[in-house]
Amino acid sequence: MIVATIQLDLPDSVLLAAGQSPEEFAREAKFLLALKLFELGRISSGQAADLCELPRVEFLFRAGRLKVPVADLDDQELERGFKL
């Protein structure tokens, strides 16, 4: 697997305002980037989970807690899914 490195320069004031170490900030930034790309449909939930180094189920759980839909079902699919 080929891995690209992206460097992001931040003023110290951002880290101070966030109250996080550089490592914590980077971990959260990776998760939020993965979450947004997933929300936009640009990557799958599996790719997003890989990006932020989480198990897929954990990624989906966290996405749901942040009110990001984890399933894209239309009304007919929802109706079929709930029929007995």
PDB file of N, CA and C in Angstrom:
ATOM      1  N   MET A   1       0.844  -1.184   0.000  1.00  0.00           N
ATOM      2  CA  MET A   1       0.000   0.000   0.000  1.00  0.00           C
ATOM      3  C   MET A   1       0.882   1.237   0.000  1.00  0.00           C
ATOM      4  N   ILE A   2       0.609   2.140  -0.906  1.00  0.00           N
ATOM      5  CA  ILE A   2       1.346   3.394  -0.986  1.00  0.00           C
ATOM      6  C   ILE A   2       0.663   4.414  -0.079  1.00  0.00           C
ATOM      7  N   VAL A   3       1.445   5.130   0.698  1.00  0.00           N
ATOM      8  CA  VAL A   3       0.911   6.123   1.631  1.00  0.00           C
ATOM      9  C   VAL A   3       1.480   7.483   1.281  1.00  0.00           C
ATOM     10  N   ALA A   4       0.604   8.469   1.171  1.00  0.00           N
ATOM     11  CA  ALA A   4       1.024   9.842   0.921  1.00  0.00           C
ATOM     12  C   ALA A   4       1.047  10.592   2.246  1.00  0.00           C
ATOM     13  N   THR A   5       1.976  11.496   2.372  1.00  0.00           N
ATOM     14  CA  THR A   5       2.061  12.330   3.565  1.00  0.00           C
ATOM     15  C   THR A   5       1.698  13.755   3.187  1.00  0.00           C
ATOM     16  N   ILE A   6       0.827  14.336   3.979  1.00  0.00           N
ATOM     17  CA  ILE A   6       0.422  15.725   3.775  1.00  0.00           C
ATOM     18  C   ILE A   6       0.812  16.497   5.021  1.00  0.00           C
ATOM     19  N   GLN A   7       1.511  17.591   4.831  1.00  0.00           N
ATOM     20  CA  GLN A   7       1.929  18.425   5.954  1.00  0.00           C
ATOM     21  C   GLN A   7       0.995  19.621   6.054  1.00  0.00           C
ATOM     22  N   LEU A   8       0.570  19.917   7.253  1.00  0.00           N
ATOM     23  CA  LEU A   8      -0.334  21.036   7.485  1.00  0.00           C
ATOM     24  C   LEU A   8       0.290  21.933   8.545  1.00  0.00           C
ATOM     25  N   ASP A   9       0.567  23.161   8.187  1.00  0.00           N
ATOM     26  CA  ASP A   9       1.140  24.118   9.131  1.00  0.00           C
ATOM     27  C   ASP A   9       0.015  24.853   9.854  1.00  0.00           C
ATOM     28  N   LEU A  10       0.050  24.824  11.176  1.00  0.00           N
ATOM     29  CA  LEU A  10      -0.968  25.471  11.994  1.00  0.00           C
ATOM     30  C   LEU A  10      -0.318  26.424  12.975  1.00  0.00           C
ATOM     31  N   PRO A  11      -0.932  27.554  13.209  1.00  0.00           N
ATOM     32  CA  PRO A  11      -0.420  28.433  14.259  1.00  0.00           C
ATOM     33  C   PRO A  11      -0.613  27.753  15.620  1.00  0.00           C
ATOM     34  N   ASP A  12       0.288  28.014  16.537  1.00  0.00           N
ATOM     35  CA  ASP A  12       0.160  27.446  17.883  1.00  0.00           C
ATOM     36  C   ASP A  12      -1.166  27.822  18.522  1.00  0.00           C
ATOM     37  N   SER A  13      -1.703  28.983  18.143  1.00  0.00           N
ATOM     38  CA  SER A  13      -2.961  29.440  18.735  1.00  0.00           C
ATOM     39  C   SER A  13      -4.109  28.471  18.440  1.00  0.00           C
ATOM     40  N   VAL A  14      -4.058  27.785  17.307  1.00  0.00           N
ATOM     41  CA  VAL A  14      -5.106  26.815  16.974  1.00  0.00           C
ATOM     42  C   VAL A  14      -5.041  25.634  17.928  1.00  0.00           C
ATOM     43  N   LEU A  15      -3.843  25.125  18.167  1.00  0.00           N
ATOM     44  CA  LEU A  15      -3.695  24.011  19.099  1.00  0.00           C
ATOM     45  C   LEU A  15      -4.081  24.431  20.514  1.00  0.00           C
ATOM     46  N   LEU A  16      -3.694  25.629  20.901  1.00  0.00           N
ATOM     47  CA  LEU A  16      -4.058  26.122  22.224  1.00  0.00           C
ATOM     48  C   LEU A  16      -5.573  26.255  22.350  1.00  0.00           C
ATOM     49  N   ALA A  17      -6.215  26.805  21.327  1.00  0.00           N
ATOM     50  CA  ALA A  17      -7.664  26.973  21.353  1.00  0.00           C
ATOM     51  C   ALA A  17      -8.371  25.621  21.387  1.00  0.00           C
ATOM     52  N   ALA A  18      -7.824  24.644  20.684  1.00  0.00           N
ATOM     53  CA  ALA A  18      -8.421  23.309  20.657  1.00  0.00           C
ATOM     54  C   ALA A  18      -8.134  22.550  21.949  1.00  0.00           C
ATOM     55  N   GLY A  19      -7.115  22.973  22.674  1.00  0.00           N
ATOM     56  CA  GLY A  19      -6.762  22.283  23.918  1.00  0.00           C
ATOM     57  C   GLY A  19      -6.240  20.882  23.681  1.00  0.00           C
ATOM     58  N   GLN A  20      -5.535  20.700  22.574  1.00  0.00           N
ATOM     59  CA  GLN A  20      -5.055  19.376  22.200  1.00  0.00           C
ATOM     60  C   GLN A  20      -3.567  19.411  21.898  1.00  0.00           C
ATOM     61  N   SER A  21      -2.959  18.251  22.088  1.00  0.00           N
ATOM     62  CA  SER A  21      -1.577  18.097  21.662  1.00  0.00           C
ATOM     63  C   SER A  21      -1.566  17.994  20.138  1.00  0.00           C
ATOM     64  N   PRO A  22      -0.422  18.188  19.502  1.00  0.00           N
ATOM     65  CA  PRO A  22      -0.367  18.010  18.040  1.00  0.00           C
ATOM     66  C   PRO A  22      -0.837  16.621  17.598  1.00  0.00           C
ATOM     67  N   GLU A  23      -0.524  15.603  18.369  1.00  0.00           N
ATOM     68  CA  GLU A  23      -0.931  14.230  18.025  1.00  0.00           C
ATOM     69  C   GLU A  23      -2.443  14.065  18.130  1.00  0.00           C
ATOM     70  N   GLU A  24      -3.039  14.612  19.200  1.00  0.00           N
ATOM     71  CA  GLU A  24      -4.493  14.533  19.356  1.00  0.00           C
ATOM     72  C   GLU A  24      -5.206  15.296  18.248  1.00  0.00           C
ATOM     73  N   PHE A  25      -4.684  16.472  17.937  1.00  0.00           N
ATOM     74  CA  PHE A  25      -5.274  17.295  16.881  1.00  0.00           C
ATOM     75  C   PHE A  25      -5.200  16.564  15.544  1.00  0.00           C
ATOM     76  N   ALA A  26      -4.066  15.967  15.234  1.00  0.00           N
ATOM     77  CA  ALA A  26      -3.892  15.245  13.968  1.00  0.00           C
ATOM     78  C   ALA A  26      -4.844  14.056  13.887  1.00  0.00           C
ATOM     79  N   ARG A  27      -5.006  13.326  14.991  1.00  0.00           N
ATOM     80  CA  ARG A  27      -5.908  12.169  15.015  1.00  0.00           C
ATOM     81  C   ARG A  27      -7.354  12.621  14.765  1.00  0.00           C
ATOM     82  N   GLU A  28      -7.762  13.697  15.445  1.00  0.00           N
ATOM     83  CA  GLU A  28      -9.122  14.203  15.257  1.00  0.00           C
ATOM     84  C   GLU A  28      -9.307  14.769  13.845  1.00  0.00           C
ATOM     85  N   ALA A  29      -8.308  15.465  13.332  1.00  0.00           N
ATOM     86  CA  ALA A  29      -8.395  16.038  11.984  1.00  0.00           C
ATOM     87  C   ALA A  29      -8.546  14.933  10.944  1.00  0.00           C
ATOM     88  N   LYS A  30      -7.816  13.822  11.099  1.00  0.00           N
ATOM     89  CA  LYS A  30      -7.940  12.698  10.171  1.00  0.00           C
ATOM     90  C   LYS A  30      -9.344  12.116  10.215  1.00  0.00           C
ATOM     91  N   PHE A  31      -9.888  11.983  11.433  1.00  0.00           N
ATOM     92  CA  PHE A  31     -11.245  11.462  11.558  1.00  0.00           C
ATOM     93  C   PHE A  31     -12.248  12.395  10.897  1.00  0.00           C
ATOM     94  N   LEU A  32     -12.145  13.687  11.159  1.00  0.00           N
ATOM     95  CA  LEU A  32     -13.099  14.646  10.596  1.00  0.00           C
ATOM     96  C   LEU A  32     -12.988  14.736   9.075  1.00  0.00           C
ATOM     97  N   LEU A  33     -11.770  14.628   8.550  1.00  0.00           N
ATOM     98  CA  LEU A  33     -11.589  14.597   7.098  1.00  0.00           C
ATOM     99  C   LEU A  33     -12.247  13.352   6.512  1.00  0.00           C
ATOM    100  N   ALA A  34     -11.980  12.205   7.125  1.00  0.00           N
ATOM    101  CA  ALA A  34     -12.581  10.954   6.665  1.00  0.00           C
ATOM    102  C   ALA A  34     -14.101  11.030   6.735  1.00  0.00           C
ATOM    103  N   LEU A  35     -14.622  11.595   7.820  1.00  0.00           N
ATOM    104  CA  LEU A  35     -16.064  11.715   8.004  1.00  0.00           C
ATOM    105  C   LEU A  35     -16.688  12.588   6.912  1.00  0.00           C
ATOM    106  N   LYS A  36     -16.073  13.710   6.623  1.00  0.00           N
ATOM    107  CA  LYS A  36     -16.624  14.616   5.607  1.00  0.00           C
ATOM    108  C   LYS A  36     -16.566  13.982   4.216  1.00  0.00           C
ATOM    109  N   LEU A  37     -15.456  13.335   3.881  1.00  0.00           N
ATOM    110  CA  LEU A  37     -15.351  12.665   2.583  1.00  0.00           C
ATOM    111  C   LEU A  37     -16.393  11.559   2.447  1.00  0.00           C
ATOM    112  N   PHE A  38     -16.636  10.834   3.541  1.00  0.00           N
ATOM    113  CA  PHE A  38     -17.675   9.806   3.551  1.00  0.00           C
ATOM    114  C   PHE A  38     -19.053  10.437   3.388  1.00  0.00           C
ATOM    115  N   GLU A  39     -19.315  11.508   4.125  1.00  0.00           N
ATOM    116  CA  GLU A  39     -20.605  12.188   4.066  1.00  0.00           C
ATOM    117  C   GLU A  39     -20.894  12.698   2.652  1.00  0.00           C
ATOM    118  N   LEU A  40     -19.872  13.169   1.967  1.00  0.00           N
ATOM    119  CA  LEU A  40     -20.022  13.670   0.600  1.00  0.00           C
ATOM    120  C   LEU A  40     -20.107  12.553  -0.438  1.00  0.00           C
ATOM    121  N   GLY A  41     -19.896  11.305  -0.004  1.00  0.00           N
ATOM    122  CA  GLY A  41     -19.947  10.179  -0.920  1.00  0.00           C
ATOM    123  C   GLY A  41     -18.686  10.011  -1.750  1.00  0.00           C
ATOM    124  N   ARG A  42     -17.616  10.638  -1.333  1.00  0.00           N
ATOM    125  CA  ARG A  42     -16.367  10.568  -2.102  1.00  0.00           C
ATOM    126  C   ARG A  42     -15.566   9.313  -1.778  1.00  0.00           C
ATOM    127  N   ILE A  43     -15.757   8.775  -0.561  1.00  0.00           N
ATOM    128  CA  ILE A  43     -15.108   7.519  -0.175  1.00  0.00           C
ATOM    129  C   ILE A  43     -16.124   6.660   0.575  1.00  0.00           C
ATOM    130  N   SER A  44     -15.867   5.359   0.611  1.00  0.00           N
ATOM    131  CA  SER A  44     -16.748   4.423   1.316  1.00  0.00           C
ATOM    132  C   SER A  44     -16.481   4.473   2.816  1.00  0.00           C
ATOM    133  N   SER A  45     -17.364   3.861   3.575  1.00  0.00           N
ATOM    134  CA  SER A  45     -17.156   3.814   5.022  1.00  0.00           C
ATOM    135  C   SER A  45     -15.899   3.013   5.362  1.00  0.00           C
ATOM    136  N   GLY A  46     -15.610   1.986   4.584  1.00  0.00           N
ATOM    137  CA  GLY A  46     -14.392   1.208   4.816  1.00  0.00           C
ATOM    138  C   GLY A  46     -13.140   2.030   4.552  1.00  0.00           C
ATOM    139  N   GLN A  47     -13.158   2.806   3.471  1.00  0.00           N
ATOM    140  CA  GLN A  47     -12.017   3.671   3.165  1.00  0.00           C
ATOM    141  C   GLN A  47     -11.865   4.752   4.236  1.00  0.00           C
ATOM    142  N   ALA A  48     -12.989   5.297   4.686  1.00  0.00           N
ATOM    143  CA  ALA A  48     -12.949   6.320   5.732  1.00  0.00           C
ATOM    144  C   ALA A  48     -12.378   5.742   7.023  1.00  0.00           C
ATOM    145  N   ALA A  49     -12.808   4.545   7.369  1.00  0.00           N
ATOM    146  CA  ALA A  49     -12.296   3.893   8.577  1.00  0.00           C
ATOM    147  C   ALA A  49     -10.792   3.648   8.462  1.00  0.00           C
ATOM    148  N   ASP A  50     -10.361   3.213   7.290  1.00  0.00           N
ATOM    149  CA  ASP A  50      -8.921   3.005   7.073  1.00  0.00           C
ATOM    150  C   ASP A  50      -8.158   4.313   7.209  1.00  0.00           C
ATOM    151  N   LEU A  51      -8.712   5.388   6.660  1.00  0.00           N
ATOM    152  CA  LEU A  51      -8.050   6.685   6.708  1.00  0.00           C
ATOM    153  C   LEU A  51      -7.800   7.145   8.140  1.00  0.00           C
ATOM    154  N   CYS A  52      -8.782   6.951   9.000  1.00  0.00           N
ATOM    155  CA  CYS A  52      -8.611   7.416  10.381  1.00  0.00           C
ATOM    156  C   CYS A  52      -8.206   6.289  11.329  1.00  0.00           C
ATOM    157  N   GLU A  53      -7.833   5.152  10.747  1.00  0.00           N
ATOM    158  CA  GLU A  53      -7.279   4.025  11.509  1.00  0.00           C
ATOM    159  C   GLU A  53      -8.214   3.542  12.614  1.00  0.00           C
ATOM    160  N   LEU A  54      -9.487   3.357  12.232  1.00  0.00           N
ATOM    161  CA  LEU A  54     -10.493   2.821  13.147  1.00  0.00           C
ATOM    162  C   LEU A  54     -11.121   1.588  12.516  1.00  0.00           C
ATOM    163  N   PRO A  55     -11.624   0.669  13.341  1.00  0.00           N
ATOM    164  CA  PRO A  55     -12.449  -0.399  12.762  1.00  0.00           C
ATOM    165  C   PRO A  55     -13.689   0.227  12.117  1.00  0.00           C
ATOM    166  N   ARG A  56     -14.183  -0.367  11.048  1.00  0.00           N
ATOM    167  CA  ARG A  56     -15.307   0.198  10.299  1.00  0.00           C
ATOM    168  C   ARG A  56     -16.523   0.418  11.189  1.00  0.00           C
ATOM    169  N   VAL A  57     -16.841  -0.536  12.049  1.00  0.00           N
ATOM    170  CA  VAL A  57     -18.005  -0.400  12.929  1.00  0.00           C
ATOM    171  C   VAL A  57     -17.831   0.794  13.871  1.00  0.00           C
ATOM    172  N   GLU A  58     -16.643   0.988  14.391  1.00  0.00           N
ATOM    173  CA  GLU A  58     -16.370   2.127  15.274  1.00  0.00           C
ATOM    174  C   GLU A  58     -16.521   3.440  14.497  1.00  0.00           C
ATOM    175  N   PHE A  59     -16.029   3.485  13.263  1.00  0.00           N
ATOM    176  CA  PHE A  59     -16.187   4.678  12.444  1.00  0.00           C
ATOM    177  C   PHE A  59     -17.666   4.986  12.240  1.00  0.00           C
ATOM    178  N   LEU A  60     -18.456   3.981  11.872  1.00  0.00           N
ATOM    179  CA  LEU A  60     -19.881   4.182  11.639  1.00  0.00           C
ATOM    180  C   LEU A  60     -20.596   4.624  12.909  1.00  0.00           C
ATOM    181  N   PHE A  61     -20.224   4.060  14.042  1.00  0.00           N
ATOM    182  CA  PHE A  61     -20.815   4.444  15.321  1.00  0.00           C
ATOM    183  C   PHE A  61     -20.536   5.920  15.605  1.00  0.00           C
ATOM    184  N   ARG A  62     -19.280   6.330  15.434  1.00  0.00           N
ATOM    185  CA  ARG A  62     -18.920   7.734  15.677  1.00  0.00           C
ATOM    186  C   ARG A  62     -19.607   8.663  14.686  1.00  0.00           C
ATOM    187  N   ALA A  63     -19.726   8.239  13.435  1.00  0.00           N
ATOM    188  CA  ALA A  63     -20.409   9.046  12.423  1.00  0.00           C
ATOM    189  C   ALA A  63     -21.865   9.267  12.832  1.00  0.00           C
ATOM    190  N   GLY A  64     -22.513   8.212  13.275  1.00  0.00           N
ATOM    191  CA  GLY A  64     -23.900   8.316  13.710  1.00  0.00           C
ATOM    192  C   GLY A  64     -24.065   9.249  14.902  1.00  0.00           C
ATOM    193  N   ARG A  65     -23.126   9.193  15.835  1.00  0.00           N
ATOM    194  CA  ARG A  65     -23.180  10.082  17.005  1.00  0.00           C
ATOM    195  C   ARG A  65     -23.070  11.547  16.594  1.00  0.00           C
ATOM    196  N   LEU A  66     -22.387  11.810  15.475  1.00  0.00           N
ATOM    197  CA  LEU A  66     -22.237  13.179  14.976  1.00  0.00           C
ATOM    198  C   LEU A  66     -23.313  13.528  13.946  1.00  0.00           C
ATOM    199  N   LYS A  67     -24.348  12.683  13.890  1.00  0.00           N
ATOM    200  CA  LYS A  67     -25.518  12.921  13.028  1.00  0.00           C
ATOM    201  C   LYS A  67     -25.220  12.838  11.530  1.00  0.00           C
ATOM    202  N   VAL A  68     -24.179  12.105  11.166  1.00  0.00           N
ATOM    203  CA  VAL A  68     -23.886  11.850   9.756  1.00  0.00           C
ATOM    204  C   VAL A  68     -24.576  10.537   9.390  1.00  0.00           C
ATOM    205  N   PRO A  69     -25.485  10.563   8.426  1.00  0.00           N
ATOM    206  CA  PRO A  69     -26.189   9.328   8.044  1.00  0.00           C
ATOM    207  C   PRO A  69     -25.205   8.250   7.591  1.00  0.00           C
ATOM    208  N   VAL A  70     -25.418   7.039   8.083  1.00  0.00           N
ATOM    209  CA  VAL A  70     -24.517   5.951   7.717  1.00  0.00           C
ATOM    210  C   VAL A  70     -25.149   5.008   6.705  1.00  0.00           C
ATOM    211  N   ALA A  71     -26.422   5.256   6.350  1.00  0.00           N
ATOM    212  CA  ALA A  71     -27.098   4.474   5.324  1.00  0.00           C
ATOM    213  C   ALA A  71     -27.807   5.436   4.386  1.00  0.00           C
ATOM    214  N   ASP A  72     -27.790   5.112   3.119  1.00  0.00           N
ATOM    215  CA  ASP A  72     -28.415   5.964   2.114  1.00  0.00           C
ATOM    216  C   ASP A  72     -29.558   5.197   1.469  1.00  0.00           C
ATOM    217  N   LEU A  73     -30.700   5.172   2.166  1.00  0.00           N
ATOM    218  CA  LEU A  73     -31.856   4.428   1.686  1.00  0.00           C
ATOM    219  C   LEU A  73     -32.951   5.392   1.265  1.00  0.00           C
ATOM    220  N   ASP A  74     -33.602   5.083   0.122  1.00  0.00           N
ATOM    221  CA  ASP A  74     -34.737   5.912  -0.276  1.00  0.00           C
ATOM    222  C   ASP A  74     -35.986   5.428   0.462  1.00  0.00           C
ATOM    223  N   ASP A  75     -37.098   6.113   0.269  1.00  0.00           N
ATOM    224  CA  ASP A  75     -38.336   5.795   0.989  1.00  0.00           C
ATOM    225  C   ASP A  75     -38.809   4.374   0.724  1.00  0.00           C
ATOM    226  N   GLN A  76     -38.706   3.911  -0.513  1.00  0.00           N
ATOM    227  CA  GLN A  76     -39.145   2.555  -0.849  1.00  0.00           C
ATOM    228  C   GLN A  76     -38.277   1.513  -0.155  1.00  0.00           C
ATOM    229  N   GLU A  77     -36.972   1.742  -0.123  1.00  0.00           N
ATOM    230  CA  GLU A  77     -36.086   0.792   0.555  1.00  0.00           C
ATOM    231  C   GLU A  77     -36.384   0.746   2.050  1.00  0.00           C
ATOM    232  N   LEU A  78     -36.631   1.903   2.642  1.00  0.00           N
ATOM    233  CA  LEU A  78     -36.973   1.950   4.067  1.00  0.00           C
ATOM    234  C   LEU A  78     -38.285   1.201   4.321  1.00  0.00           C
ATOM    235  N   GLU A  79     -39.274   1.411   3.480  1.00  0.00           N
ATOM    236  CA  GLU A  79     -40.561   0.760   3.642  1.00  0.00           C
ATOM    237  C   GLU A  79     -40.409  -0.765   3.551  1.00  0.00           C
ATOM    238  N   ARG A  80     -39.662  -1.240   2.555  1.00  0.00           N
ATOM    239  CA  ARG A  80     -39.412  -2.677   2.421  1.00  0.00           C
ATOM    240  C   ARG A  80     -38.687  -3.234   3.622  1.00  0.00           C
ATOM    241  N   GLY A  81     -37.744  -2.464   4.157  1.00  0.00           N
ATOM    242  CA  GLY A  81     -36.964  -2.927   5.288  1.00  0.00           C
ATOM    243  C   GLY A  81     -37.770  -3.065   6.567  1.00  0.00           C
ATOM    244  N   PHE A  82     -38.853  -2.299   6.694  1.00  0.00           N
ATOM    245  CA  PHE A  82     -39.639  -2.332   7.914  1.00  0.00           C
ATOM    246  C   PHE A  82     -40.927  -3.122   7.794  1.00  0.00           C
ATOM    247  N   LYS A  83     -41.207  -3.692   6.631  1.00  0.00           N
ATOM    248  CA  LYS A  83     -42.384  -4.532   6.476  1.00  0.00           C
ATOM    249  C   LYS A  83     -42.163  -5.863   7.179  1.00  0.00           C
ATOM    250  N   LEU A  84     -43.202  -6.348   7.791  1.00  0.00           N
ATOM    251  CA  LEU A  84     -43.113  -7.655   8.462  1.00  0.00           C
ATOM    252  C   LEU A  84     -43.514  -8.763   7.539  1.00  0.00           C
TER     253      LEU A  84
END
